[in-house]
């Protein structure tokens, strides 16, 4: 009898975990749905999300928020930047003051009005804030990202220009 009760409880926990994993993977299919998911959940299974987006595992990647380490335990705050031509949305994910990174996820609008994940960039913010600006050169949009890479008292700013066409 006890074994049956334990099996029912454990199977319910396994179903809940599988449901949460499928929720974050499903949310990753759309930038707006992902933004809502990240802001409404205190923890995020980043491994499941990154796998669903087709991103490789990296020992050097660090979640910006929604994790269980002191540097990333804060809830996520999300900003979406819309680019009209070509149709796309950049999802910018930030953690708290102690977070080491900010995550930039790019989604392109597909021919069938759906979304296609198109890339990721992690900007370090360990030694100062990361900033971004959407700029136009002629008719081409670019996302400019700057982050502070200062270490050992030596100032170092890194700027990255990402073409969005």
N, C-alpha and C. Protein backbone atom coordinates (compact mmCIF):
# COMPACT_ATOMS: atom_id res chain seq x y z
N UNK A 1 0.82 -1.19 0.00
CA UNK A 1 0.00 0.00 0.00
C UNK A 1 0.87 1.26 0.00
N UNK A 2 1.89 1.26 0.89
CA UNK A 2 2.78 2.44 0.95
C UNK A 2 3.54 2.62 -0.36
N UNK A 3 3.92 1.51 -0.98
CA UNK A 3 4.64 1.58 -2.26
C UNK A 3 3.75 2.19 -3.33
N UNK A 4 2.46 1.87 -3.33
CA UNK A 4 1.54 2.43 -4.30
C UNK A 4 1.40 3.93 -4.10
N UNK A 5 1.24 4.38 -2.86
CA UNK A 5 1.12 5.81 -2.56
C UNK A 5 2.40 6.54 -2.97
N UNK A 6 3.55 5.97 -2.66
CA UNK A 6 4.83 6.59 -3.03
C UNK A 6 4.96 6.68 -4.54
N UNK A 7 4.55 5.63 -5.24
CA UNK A 7 4.64 5.63 -6.71
C UNK A 7 3.75 6.70 -7.31
N UNK A 8 2.55 6.88 -6.76
CA UNK A 8 1.62 7.90 -7.26
C UNK A 8 2.19 9.30 -7.01
N UNK A 9 2.74 9.52 -5.83
CA UNK A 9 3.32 10.84 -5.49
C UNK A 9 4.51 11.13 -6.39
N UNK A 10 5.40 10.15 -6.54
CA UNK A 10 6.59 10.36 -7.37
C UNK A 10 6.24 10.56 -8.84
N UNK A 11 5.25 9.83 -9.34
CA UNK A 11 4.87 10.01 -10.75
C UNK A 11 4.25 11.38 -10.96
N UNK A 12 3.51 11.89 -9.97
CA UNK A 12 2.95 13.25 -10.06
C UNK A 12 4.05 14.29 -10.10
N UNK A 13 5.10 14.10 -9.30
CA UNK A 13 6.23 15.04 -9.30
C UNK A 13 6.96 14.99 -10.63
N UNK A 14 7.12 13.80 -11.19
CA UNK A 14 7.79 13.65 -12.48
C UNK A 14 6.98 14.32 -13.58
N UNK A 15 5.65 14.18 -13.54
CA UNK A 15 4.80 14.82 -14.54
C UNK A 15 4.87 16.34 -14.42
N UNK A 16 4.91 16.86 -13.20
CA UNK A 16 5.01 18.31 -13.00
C UNK A 16 6.32 18.82 -13.56
N UNK A 17 7.42 18.13 -13.31
CA UNK A 17 8.73 18.55 -13.83
C UNK A 17 8.74 18.49 -15.35
N UNK A 18 8.20 17.44 -15.93
CA UNK A 18 8.15 17.32 -17.39
C UNK A 18 7.28 18.44 -17.98
N UNK A 19 6.20 18.79 -17.28
CA UNK A 19 5.33 19.87 -17.75
C UNK A 19 6.06 21.21 -17.72
N UNK A 20 6.83 21.47 -16.65
CA UNK A 20 7.59 22.71 -16.56
C UNK A 20 8.65 22.77 -17.66
N UNK A 21 9.29 21.64 -17.94
CA UNK A 21 10.30 21.60 -19.00
C UNK A 21 9.67 21.88 -20.35
N UNK A 22 8.49 21.27 -20.61
CA UNK A 22 7.84 21.52 -21.89
C UNK A 22 7.32 22.94 -21.97
N UNK A 23 6.93 23.54 -20.83
CA UNK A 23 6.46 24.93 -20.82
C UNK A 23 7.57 25.88 -21.26
N UNK A 24 8.77 25.75 -20.72
CA UNK A 24 9.85 26.65 -21.08
C UNK A 24 10.29 26.40 -22.51
N UNK A 25 10.29 25.16 -22.96
CA UNK A 25 10.66 24.86 -24.35
C UNK A 25 9.62 25.45 -25.30
N UNK A 26 8.34 25.35 -24.97
CA UNK A 26 7.28 25.94 -25.79
C UNK A 26 7.37 27.46 -25.79
N UNK A 27 7.67 28.05 -24.65
CA UNK A 27 7.78 29.51 -24.56
C UNK A 27 8.90 30.03 -25.45
N UNK A 28 9.96 29.24 -25.62
CA UNK A 28 11.08 29.66 -26.43
C UNK A 28 10.79 29.77 -27.91
N UNK A 29 9.62 29.34 -28.34
CA UNK A 29 9.27 29.40 -29.77
C UNK A 29 8.83 30.79 -30.21
N UNK A 30 8.52 31.67 -29.25
CA UNK A 30 8.06 33.02 -29.57
C UNK A 30 8.72 34.01 -28.62
N UNK A 31 9.21 35.14 -29.14
CA UNK A 31 9.87 36.11 -28.24
C UNK A 31 8.93 36.70 -27.19
N UNK A 32 7.69 36.94 -27.55
CA UNK A 32 6.74 37.54 -26.61
C UNK A 32 6.35 36.52 -25.54
N UNK A 33 6.09 35.28 -25.96
CA UNK A 33 5.75 34.23 -25.00
C UNK A 33 6.92 33.97 -24.06
N UNK A 34 8.13 33.98 -24.60
CA UNK A 34 9.31 33.78 -23.76
C UNK A 34 9.46 34.91 -22.74
N UNK A 35 9.26 36.14 -23.18
CA UNK A 35 9.36 37.28 -22.26
C UNK A 35 8.35 37.14 -21.12
N UNK A 36 7.13 36.77 -21.45
CA UNK A 36 6.11 36.58 -20.41
C UNK A 36 6.49 35.45 -19.45
N UNK A 37 6.98 34.36 -20.03
CA UNK A 37 7.37 33.21 -19.19
C UNK A 37 8.48 33.60 -18.22
N UNK A 38 9.52 34.25 -18.73
CA UNK A 38 10.66 34.59 -17.88
C UNK A 38 10.28 35.54 -16.76
N UNK A 39 9.39 36.49 -17.03
CA UNK A 39 9.00 37.45 -16.00
C UNK A 39 8.00 36.87 -15.00
N UNK A 40 7.36 35.77 -15.35
CA UNK A 40 6.35 35.20 -14.45
C UNK A 40 6.85 34.00 -13.64
N UNK A 41 8.09 33.57 -13.88
CA UNK A 41 8.64 32.42 -13.15
C UNK A 41 9.88 32.84 -12.37
N UNK A 42 9.97 32.39 -11.14
CA UNK A 42 11.13 32.74 -10.31
C UNK A 42 12.36 31.92 -10.65
N UNK A 43 12.16 30.72 -11.19
CA UNK A 43 13.29 29.89 -11.63
C UNK A 43 13.05 29.49 -13.09
N UNK A 44 14.16 29.30 -13.79
CA UNK A 44 14.10 28.95 -15.21
C UNK A 44 15.03 27.77 -15.44
N UNK A 45 14.56 26.77 -16.14
CA UNK A 45 15.42 25.65 -16.51
C UNK A 45 16.14 26.05 -17.79
N UNK A 46 17.27 26.73 -17.61
CA UNK A 46 18.02 27.28 -18.74
C UNK A 46 18.55 26.19 -19.67
N UNK A 47 18.88 25.03 -19.12
CA UNK A 47 19.39 23.94 -19.95
C UNK A 47 18.32 23.49 -20.95
N UNK A 48 17.09 23.36 -20.49
CA UNK A 48 15.99 22.96 -21.37
C UNK A 48 15.74 24.05 -22.41
N UNK A 49 15.71 25.31 -21.99
CA UNK A 49 15.47 26.41 -22.92
C UNK A 49 16.56 26.49 -23.98
N UNK A 50 17.81 26.43 -23.55
CA UNK A 50 18.93 26.53 -24.50
C UNK A 50 18.93 25.35 -25.48
N UNK A 51 18.57 24.16 -25.00
CA UNK A 51 18.47 23.00 -25.89
C UNK A 51 17.34 23.21 -26.90
N UNK A 52 16.19 23.71 -26.43
CA UNK A 52 15.06 23.95 -27.33
C UNK A 52 15.40 24.99 -28.40
N UNK A 53 16.26 25.95 -28.05
CA UNK A 53 16.67 26.99 -29.01
C UNK A 53 17.79 26.50 -29.94
N UNK A 54 18.34 25.32 -29.65
CA UNK A 54 19.41 24.78 -30.48
C UNK A 54 20.79 25.32 -30.12
N UNK A 55 20.94 25.85 -28.92
CA UNK A 55 22.23 26.37 -28.47
C UNK A 55 23.05 25.26 -27.82
N UNK A 56 24.34 25.26 -28.11
CA UNK A 56 25.22 24.24 -27.56
C UNK A 56 25.50 24.51 -26.09
N UNK A 57 25.78 23.43 -25.37
CA UNK A 57 26.20 23.57 -23.97
C UNK A 57 27.58 24.21 -23.92
N UNK A 58 27.79 25.05 -22.93
CA UNK A 58 29.09 25.68 -22.74
C UNK A 58 29.36 25.79 -21.25
N UNK A 59 30.53 25.37 -20.86
CA UNK A 59 30.88 25.48 -19.44
C UNK A 59 31.11 26.93 -19.03
N UNK A 60 31.27 27.82 -20.01
CA UNK A 60 31.54 29.22 -19.72
C UNK A 60 30.29 30.09 -19.70
N UNK A 61 29.14 29.55 -20.16
CA UNK A 61 27.90 30.32 -20.18
C UNK A 61 27.32 30.35 -18.78
N UNK A 62 26.81 31.52 -18.36
CA UNK A 62 26.24 31.67 -17.03
C UNK A 62 24.89 32.34 -17.15
N UNK A 63 23.86 31.75 -16.58
CA UNK A 63 22.50 32.30 -16.66
C UNK A 63 22.44 33.68 -16.02
N UNK A 64 21.73 34.62 -16.64
CA UNK A 64 21.64 35.97 -16.07
C UNK A 64 20.68 36.06 -14.88
N UNK A 65 19.74 35.11 -14.76
CA UNK A 65 18.70 35.21 -13.72
C UNK A 65 17.98 33.87 -13.62
N UNK A 66 17.09 33.76 -12.65
CA UNK A 66 16.25 32.58 -12.52
C UNK A 66 17.00 31.31 -12.17
N UNK A 67 18.22 31.45 -11.63
CA UNK A 67 19.02 30.29 -11.28
C UNK A 67 19.06 30.08 -9.78
N UNK A 68 20.04 29.29 -9.33
CA UNK A 68 20.13 29.00 -7.91
C UNK A 68 21.49 29.38 -7.32
N UNK A 69 22.27 30.17 -8.03
CA UNK A 69 23.55 30.66 -7.51
C UNK A 69 23.35 32.12 -7.06
N UNK A 70 24.12 32.59 -6.10
CA UNK A 70 23.93 33.97 -5.64
C UNK A 70 24.00 35.02 -6.75
N UNK A 71 24.80 34.78 -7.77
CA UNK A 71 24.94 35.76 -8.85
C UNK A 71 23.78 35.74 -9.84
N UNK A 72 22.96 34.69 -9.82
CA UNK A 72 21.86 34.64 -10.79
C UNK A 72 20.52 34.22 -10.18
N UNK A 73 20.36 34.41 -8.88
CA UNK A 73 19.12 33.96 -8.25
C UNK A 73 17.99 34.98 -8.37
N UNK A 74 18.27 36.19 -8.82
CA UNK A 74 17.23 37.20 -8.96
C UNK A 74 16.24 36.80 -10.05
N UNK A 75 15.04 37.32 -9.94
CA UNK A 75 14.04 37.11 -11.00
C UNK A 75 14.51 37.81 -12.26
N UNK A 76 14.05 37.34 -13.39
CA UNK A 76 14.42 37.93 -14.67
C UNK A 76 13.57 39.17 -14.95
N UNK A 77 14.21 40.17 -15.52
CA UNK A 77 13.47 41.27 -16.11
C UNK A 77 13.80 41.23 -17.60
N UNK A 78 12.80 41.51 -18.41
CA UNK A 78 12.94 41.31 -19.85
C UNK A 78 12.51 42.57 -20.59
N UNK A 79 13.28 42.89 -21.60
CA UNK A 79 12.94 43.99 -22.51
C UNK A 79 12.89 43.40 -23.92
N UNK A 80 11.92 43.82 -24.70
CA UNK A 80 11.88 43.40 -26.10
C UNK A 80 12.08 44.62 -26.98
N UNK A 81 12.92 44.46 -27.99
CA UNK A 81 13.19 45.52 -28.95
C UNK A 81 12.71 45.02 -30.31
N UNK A 82 11.80 45.77 -30.92
CA UNK A 82 11.24 45.39 -32.21
C UNK A 82 11.94 46.13 -33.33
N UNK A 83 12.30 45.39 -34.36
CA UNK A 83 12.89 45.96 -35.58
C UNK A 83 11.90 45.67 -36.71
N UNK A 84 11.46 46.73 -37.40
CA UNK A 84 10.40 46.58 -38.40
C UNK A 84 10.89 45.92 -39.68
N UNK A 85 12.08 46.28 -40.16
CA UNK A 85 12.53 45.77 -41.45
C UNK A 85 13.98 45.33 -41.37
N UNK A 86 14.28 44.06 -41.42
CA UNK A 86 13.33 42.95 -41.51
C UNK A 86 12.66 42.70 -40.17
N UNK A 87 11.43 42.15 -40.21
CA UNK A 87 10.65 41.91 -39.00
C UNK A 87 11.37 40.99 -38.03
N UNK A 88 11.65 41.52 -36.83
CA UNK A 88 12.34 40.72 -35.82
C UNK A 88 12.16 41.35 -34.45
N UNK A 89 12.46 40.56 -33.44
CA UNK A 89 12.41 41.01 -32.05
C UNK A 89 13.68 40.53 -31.36
N UNK A 90 14.30 41.43 -30.61
CA UNK A 90 15.44 41.08 -29.77
C UNK A 90 14.91 41.01 -28.34
N UNK A 91 15.13 39.90 -27.67
CA UNK A 91 14.72 39.72 -26.27
C UNK A 91 15.97 39.93 -25.42
N UNK A 92 15.92 40.91 -24.53
CA UNK A 92 17.05 41.23 -23.66
C UNK A 92 16.68 40.80 -22.24
N UNK A 93 17.47 39.88 -21.69
CA UNK A 93 17.16 39.27 -20.39
C UNK A 93 18.20 39.73 -19.38
N UNK A 94 17.72 40.31 -18.28
CA UNK A 94 18.61 40.81 -17.23
C UNK A 94 18.26 40.15 -15.90
N UNK A 95 19.29 40.05 -15.06
CA UNK A 95 19.10 39.57 -13.70
C UNK A 95 19.24 40.73 -12.73
N UNK A 96 19.68 40.43 -11.53
CA UNK A 96 19.85 41.45 -10.50
C UNK A 96 21.21 42.12 -10.59
N UNK A 97 21.52 42.89 -9.56
CA UNK A 97 22.77 43.64 -9.52
C UNK A 97 24.00 42.75 -9.54
N UNK A 98 23.89 41.53 -9.03
CA UNK A 98 25.05 40.64 -8.94
C UNK A 98 25.21 39.71 -10.14
N UNK A 99 24.29 39.80 -11.09
CA UNK A 99 24.36 38.95 -12.28
C UNK A 99 25.60 39.28 -13.09
N UNK A 100 26.21 38.25 -13.66
CA UNK A 100 27.43 38.43 -14.46
C UNK A 100 27.15 38.77 -15.92
N UNK A 101 25.94 38.46 -16.41
CA UNK A 101 25.65 38.61 -17.84
C UNK A 101 24.28 39.19 -18.10
N UNK A 102 24.10 39.67 -19.32
CA UNK A 102 22.79 39.97 -19.88
C UNK A 102 22.71 39.17 -21.17
N UNK A 103 21.55 38.61 -21.42
CA UNK A 103 21.38 37.71 -22.56
C UNK A 103 20.56 38.42 -23.64
N UNK A 104 21.03 38.34 -24.88
CA UNK A 104 20.35 38.91 -26.04
C UNK A 104 19.96 37.77 -26.97
N UNK A 105 18.66 37.59 -27.20
CA UNK A 105 18.15 36.54 -28.07
C UNK A 105 17.45 37.19 -29.26
N UNK A 106 17.77 36.74 -30.45
CA UNK A 106 17.21 37.33 -31.67
C UNK A 106 16.23 36.37 -32.32
N UNK A 107 15.05 36.88 -32.65
CA UNK A 107 14.02 36.12 -33.34
C UNK A 107 13.64 36.84 -34.62
N UNK A 108 13.54 36.10 -35.72
CA UNK A 108 13.11 36.64 -37.01
C UNK A 108 11.68 36.19 -37.29
N UNK A 109 10.92 37.09 -37.92
CA UNK A 109 9.55 36.76 -38.31
C UNK A 109 9.61 35.88 -39.55
N UNK A 110 8.94 34.74 -39.50
CA UNK A 110 8.95 33.80 -40.63
C UNK A 110 7.90 34.15 -41.67
N UNK A 111 7.95 33.47 -42.79
CA UNK A 111 7.02 33.71 -43.88
C UNK A 111 5.57 33.41 -43.46
N UNK A 112 5.38 32.44 -42.58
CA UNK A 112 4.04 32.06 -42.13
C UNK A 112 3.61 32.82 -40.87
N UNK A 113 4.25 33.96 -40.60
CA UNK A 113 3.98 34.83 -39.45
C UNK A 113 4.43 34.21 -38.12
N UNK A 114 5.09 33.07 -38.18
CA UNK A 114 5.66 32.46 -36.98
C UNK A 114 7.03 33.06 -36.69
N UNK A 115 7.67 32.60 -35.63
CA UNK A 115 8.97 33.11 -35.23
C UNK A 115 10.03 32.04 -35.39
N UNK A 116 11.24 32.48 -35.75
CA UNK A 116 12.38 31.58 -35.86
C UNK A 116 13.52 32.15 -35.02
N UNK A 117 14.03 31.34 -34.10
CA UNK A 117 15.16 31.78 -33.30
C UNK A 117 16.37 31.93 -34.21
N UNK A 118 17.09 33.08 -34.09
CA UNK A 118 18.16 33.37 -35.04
C UNK A 118 19.51 33.66 -34.41
N UNK A 119 19.63 33.60 -33.09
CA UNK A 119 20.95 33.81 -32.50
C UNK A 119 20.92 34.34 -31.08
N UNK A 120 22.09 34.26 -30.45
CA UNK A 120 22.22 34.63 -29.03
C UNK A 120 23.56 35.31 -28.79
N UNK A 121 23.55 36.27 -27.88
CA UNK A 121 24.80 36.90 -27.44
C UNK A 121 24.70 37.15 -25.93
N UNK A 122 25.73 36.79 -25.19
CA UNK A 122 25.80 37.06 -23.76
C UNK A 122 26.78 38.20 -23.53
N UNK A 123 26.30 39.29 -22.98
CA UNK A 123 27.15 40.44 -22.69
C UNK A 123 27.54 40.40 -21.21
N UNK A 124 28.83 40.46 -20.94
CA UNK A 124 29.29 40.48 -19.56
C UNK A 124 28.92 41.79 -18.91
N UNK A 125 28.53 41.73 -17.64
CA UNK A 125 28.25 42.94 -16.88
C UNK A 125 28.81 42.83 -15.46
N UNK A 126 29.78 41.99 -15.34
CA UNK A 126 30.35 41.72 -14.03
C UNK A 126 30.99 42.95 -13.39
N UNK A 127 31.64 43.77 -14.20
CA UNK A 127 32.37 44.92 -13.67
C UNK A 127 31.70 46.25 -14.01
N UNK A 128 30.51 46.21 -14.50
CA UNK A 128 29.76 47.41 -14.85
C UNK A 128 28.60 47.03 -15.74
N UNK A 129 27.68 47.93 -15.95
CA UNK A 129 26.49 47.60 -16.72
C UNK A 129 26.78 47.39 -18.20
N UNK A 130 25.91 46.64 -18.82
CA UNK A 130 25.93 46.45 -20.27
C UNK A 130 24.86 47.39 -20.83
N UNK A 131 25.14 47.99 -21.97
CA UNK A 131 24.18 48.90 -22.60
C UNK A 131 23.97 48.48 -24.04
N UNK A 132 22.85 48.89 -24.59
CA UNK A 132 22.57 48.60 -25.99
C UNK A 132 21.87 49.78 -26.64
N UNK A 133 21.99 49.85 -27.95
CA UNK A 133 21.28 50.86 -28.73
C UNK A 133 20.99 50.28 -30.10
N UNK A 134 19.83 50.59 -30.62
CA UNK A 134 19.48 50.21 -31.98
C UNK A 134 19.82 51.40 -32.86
N UNK A 135 20.70 51.21 -33.83
CA UNK A 135 21.14 52.30 -34.70
C UNK A 135 20.91 51.92 -36.16
N UNK A 136 20.84 52.92 -37.00
CA UNK A 136 20.60 52.71 -38.42
C UNK A 136 21.75 53.33 -39.20
N UNK A 137 22.36 52.55 -40.07
CA UNK A 137 23.37 53.05 -41.01
C UNK A 137 22.76 52.90 -42.40
N UNK A 138 22.38 54.03 -42.99
CA UNK A 138 21.63 53.95 -44.24
C UNK A 138 20.29 53.31 -43.94
N UNK A 139 20.02 52.22 -44.62
CA UNK A 139 18.75 51.50 -44.38
C UNK A 139 18.95 50.25 -43.56
N UNK A 140 20.17 50.02 -43.08
CA UNK A 140 20.47 48.79 -42.36
C UNK A 140 20.47 49.02 -40.84
N UNK A 141 19.67 48.23 -40.11
CA UNK A 141 19.66 48.34 -38.66
C UNK A 141 20.78 47.52 -38.03
N UNK A 142 21.34 48.05 -36.94
CA UNK A 142 22.38 47.37 -36.18
C UNK A 142 22.04 47.47 -34.70
N UNK A 143 22.38 46.44 -33.95
CA UNK A 143 22.29 46.48 -32.50
C UNK A 143 23.70 46.67 -31.97
N UNK A 144 23.91 47.76 -31.26
CA UNK A 144 25.22 48.05 -30.66
C UNK A 144 25.13 47.64 -29.18
N UNK A 145 26.06 46.80 -28.75
CA UNK A 145 26.10 46.35 -27.36
C UNK A 145 27.46 46.72 -26.79
N UNK A 146 27.48 47.40 -25.66
CA UNK A 146 28.75 47.70 -25.00
C UNK A 146 28.71 47.11 -23.60
N UNK A 147 29.84 46.57 -23.18
CA UNK A 147 29.92 45.99 -21.83
C UNK A 147 31.31 46.27 -21.27
N UNK A 148 31.37 46.33 -19.97
CA UNK A 148 32.60 46.66 -19.26
C UNK A 148 33.35 45.37 -18.93
N UNK A 149 34.59 45.28 -19.38
CA UNK A 149 35.42 44.10 -19.13
C UNK A 149 36.63 44.45 -18.27
N UNK A 150 36.48 45.45 -17.41
CA UNK A 150 37.60 45.89 -16.58
C UNK A 150 37.96 44.81 -15.58
N UNK A 151 39.25 44.60 -15.43
CA UNK A 151 39.77 43.69 -14.42
C UNK A 151 41.06 44.27 -13.87
N UNK A 152 41.31 43.99 -12.64
CA UNK A 152 42.57 44.37 -12.01
C UNK A 152 42.86 45.86 -12.16
N UNK A 153 41.82 46.70 -12.11
CA UNK A 153 42.00 48.14 -12.16
C UNK A 153 42.27 48.70 -13.54
N UNK A 154 42.23 47.88 -14.58
CA UNK A 154 42.47 48.35 -15.94
C UNK A 154 41.12 48.46 -16.65
N UNK A 155 40.77 49.66 -17.08
CA UNK A 155 39.49 49.89 -17.74
C UNK A 155 39.50 49.28 -19.14
N UNK A 156 38.43 48.61 -19.49
CA UNK A 156 38.32 48.00 -20.80
C UNK A 156 36.84 47.91 -21.16
N UNK A 157 36.43 48.63 -22.18
CA UNK A 157 35.06 48.55 -22.68
C UNK A 157 35.05 47.77 -23.97
N UNK A 158 34.10 46.89 -24.13
CA UNK A 158 33.98 46.11 -25.36
C UNK A 158 32.69 46.54 -26.05
N UNK A 159 32.78 46.85 -27.32
CA UNK A 159 31.61 47.21 -28.11
C UNK A 159 31.45 46.21 -29.24
N UNK A 160 30.23 45.80 -29.44
CA UNK A 160 29.91 44.83 -30.48
C UNK A 160 28.81 45.41 -31.35
N UNK A 161 28.96 45.30 -32.64
CA UNK A 161 27.96 45.76 -33.59
C UNK A 161 27.41 44.52 -34.29
N UNK A 162 26.10 44.31 -34.16
CA UNK A 162 25.45 43.15 -34.76
C UNK A 162 24.54 43.64 -35.87
N UNK A 163 24.81 43.22 -37.09
CA UNK A 163 23.94 43.56 -38.21
C UNK A 163 22.63 42.80 -38.11
N UNK A 164 21.51 43.49 -38.34
CA UNK A 164 20.20 42.88 -38.18
C UNK A 164 19.48 42.69 -39.51
N UNK A 165 20.23 42.59 -40.60
CA UNK A 165 19.57 42.36 -41.89
C UNK A 165 19.91 40.97 -42.39
